[in-house]
Amino acid sequence: MPDSDQLKRFAATPEPPYYVVAFSSIRTEGDNGYGAMADRMEELALEQPGCLGLEYARDSDGFGITNSFWRDEDSIRAWKAVVAHLAAQRLGRERWYERYQLRIAKVERAYGFSRTDEI
């Protein structure tokens, strides 16, 4: 059975509609300050008005996906314009990413399953 830390990896999103920003990336070799900046960006994003949560994963080959969930498009635009986030974006292109792709979508329906709901 998953422990509580594993279950916390899921963002506690409200009933739709809401938005998701899906950021897929391939990392460069080495950390080069990435870990500290990623931690700071997670903290900062979660402090932004309209941010509903984050989910992320990275494999051993450097491919990763971060999904951030937002109340509306205005919240996404405001996050994109945060000065510290702009600096992280610049460093991402200069140091941390071989490639990335960003997709923004409106979530119309959402459902899931948890074994712990059956207990």
Protein backbone atom coordinates (compact mmCIF):
# COMPACT_ATOMS: atom_id res chain seq x y z
CA MET A 1 0.00 0.00 0.00
CA PRO A 2 1.35 3.49 -0.80
CA ASP A 3 2.50 5.58 2.12
CA SER A 4 1.05 9.01 2.83
CA ASP A 5 3.99 10.79 1.13
CA GLN A 6 3.22 8.95 -2.11
CA LEU A 7 -0.43 9.94 -1.93
CA LYS A 8 0.54 13.59 -1.37
CA ARG A 9 2.12 13.61 -4.83
CA PHE A 10 -1.35 14.11 -6.28
CA ALA A 11 -2.58 17.70 -6.47
CA ALA A 12 -5.88 18.22 -4.65
CA THR A 13 -7.72 19.86 -7.52
CA PRO A 14 -11.31 21.10 -7.32
CA GLU A 15 -14.16 19.99 -9.54
CA PRO A 16 -13.54 21.10 -13.15
CA PRO A 17 -13.27 23.29 -15.00
CA TYR A 18 -9.72 24.42 -14.27
CA TYR A 19 -6.51 24.58 -16.29
CA VAL A 20 -3.37 22.48 -16.51
CA VAL A 21 0.03 23.62 -17.71
CA ALA A 22 1.90 20.50 -18.83
CA PHE A 23 5.67 21.08 -19.01
CA SER A 24 7.63 18.20 -20.57
CA SER A 25 11.42 18.46 -20.65
CA ILE A 26 14.71 16.71 -21.23
CA ARG A 27 17.44 17.81 -18.83
CA THR A 28 21.07 18.54 -19.56
CA GLU A 29 23.83 16.66 -17.71
CA GLY A 30 24.62 17.71 -14.13
CA ASP A 31 22.62 19.70 -11.62
CA ASN A 32 24.12 23.17 -12.23
CA GLY A 33 21.79 24.64 -9.59
CA TYR A 34 18.67 23.02 -11.04
CA GLY A 35 17.52 21.23 -7.88
CA ALA A 36 17.54 24.34 -5.72
CA MET A 37 15.80 26.41 -8.39
CA ALA A 38 13.16 23.72 -9.00
CA ASP A 39 12.41 23.60 -5.26
CA ARG A 40 12.14 27.39 -5.14
CA MET A 41 9.87 27.54 -8.20
CA GLU A 42 7.57 24.91 -6.67
CA GLU A 43 7.29 26.94 -3.46
CA LEU A 44 6.76 30.17 -5.37
CA ALA A 45 4.17 28.70 -7.76
CA LEU A 46 2.14 27.32 -4.86
CA GLU A 47 2.08 30.81 -3.32
CA GLN A 48 0.56 32.36 -6.46
CA PRO A 49 -3.12 33.29 -6.50
CA GLY A 50 -4.97 30.72 -8.59
CA CYS A 51 -2.42 27.91 -8.28
CA LEU A 52 -4.24 24.71 -7.34
CA GLY A 53 -1.26 22.36 -7.07
CA LEU A 54 1.61 20.60 -8.83
CA GLU A 55 2.49 17.06 -9.86
CA TYR A 56 5.83 16.04 -11.33
CA ALA A 57 8.05 13.11 -12.22
CA ARG A 58 11.45 12.64 -13.86
CA ASP A 59 13.01 9.41 -15.13
CA SER A 60 16.65 8.35 -14.92
CA ASP A 61 17.28 9.48 -18.52
CA GLY A 62 16.36 13.08 -17.68
CA PHE A 63 12.87 13.18 -19.21
CA GLY A 64 10.40 14.88 -16.92
CA ILE A 65 6.86 16.15 -16.76
CA THR A 66 5.51 18.81 -14.44
CA ASN A 67 1.79 19.50 -14.41
CA SER A 68 0.68 22.67 -12.66
CA PHE A 69 -3.01 23.26 -12.11
CA TRP A 70 -4.60 26.71 -12.23
CA ARG A 71 -7.98 28.29 -11.56
CA ASP A 72 -7.98 30.31 -14.80
CA GLU A 73 -5.87 31.61 -17.67
CA ASP A 74 -5.26 34.96 -15.95
CA SER A 75 -3.55 33.09 -13.08
CA ILE A 76 -1.32 31.27 -15.59
CA ARG A 77 -0.37 34.54 -17.30
CA ALA A 78 0.41 36.16 -13.94
CA TRP A 79 2.69 33.23 -12.97
CA LYS A 80 4.52 33.44 -16.30
CA ALA A 81 5.30 37.11 -15.56
CA VAL A 82 6.70 36.65 -12.01
CA VAL A 83 10.25 38.04 -12.10
CA ALA A 84 11.86 35.05 -10.34
CA HIS A 85 10.03 32.69 -12.71
CA LEU A 86 11.27 34.69 -15.72
CA ALA A 87 14.84 34.31 -14.42
CA ALA A 88 14.34 30.55 -13.99
CA GLN A 89 12.99 30.31 -17.53
CA ARG A 90 16.08 32.07 -18.89
CA LEU A 91 18.42 29.78 -16.91
CA GLY A 92 16.43 26.78 -18.10
CA ARG A 93 17.18 27.63 -21.71
CA GLU A 94 20.83 28.47 -20.93
CA ARG A 95 21.72 25.59 -18.55
CA TRP A 96 19.13 22.99 -17.64
CA TYR A 97 17.12 21.86 -20.64
CA GLU A 98 18.05 20.18 -23.89
CA ARG A 99 14.43 20.53 -24.95
CA TYR A 100 11.08 21.39 -23.47
CA GLN A 101 7.48 21.58 -24.56
CA LEU A 102 4.70 23.45 -22.79
CA ARG A 103 1.01 22.76 -23.28
CA ILE A 104 -1.93 24.55 -21.68
CA ALA A 105 -5.34 22.91 -21.56
CA LYS A 106 -8.70 23.38 -19.92
CA VAL A 107 -9.71 20.39 -17.82
CA GLU A 108 -13.38 19.67 -18.49
CA ARG A 109 -13.66 16.33 -16.68
CA ALA A 110 -11.53 14.62 -14.06
CA TYR A 111 -11.88 11.36 -12.19
CA GLY A 112 -9.66 8.84 -10.49
CA PHE A 113 -9.32 5.85 -8.25
CA SER A 114 -7.69 5.27 -4.90
CA ARG A 115 -7.60 1.92 -3.15
CA THR A 116 -7.69 3.81 0.16
CA ASP A 117 -11.18 5.12 -0.75
CA GLU A 118 -12.46 1.53 -0.56
CA ILE A 119 -11.32 0.95 3.01
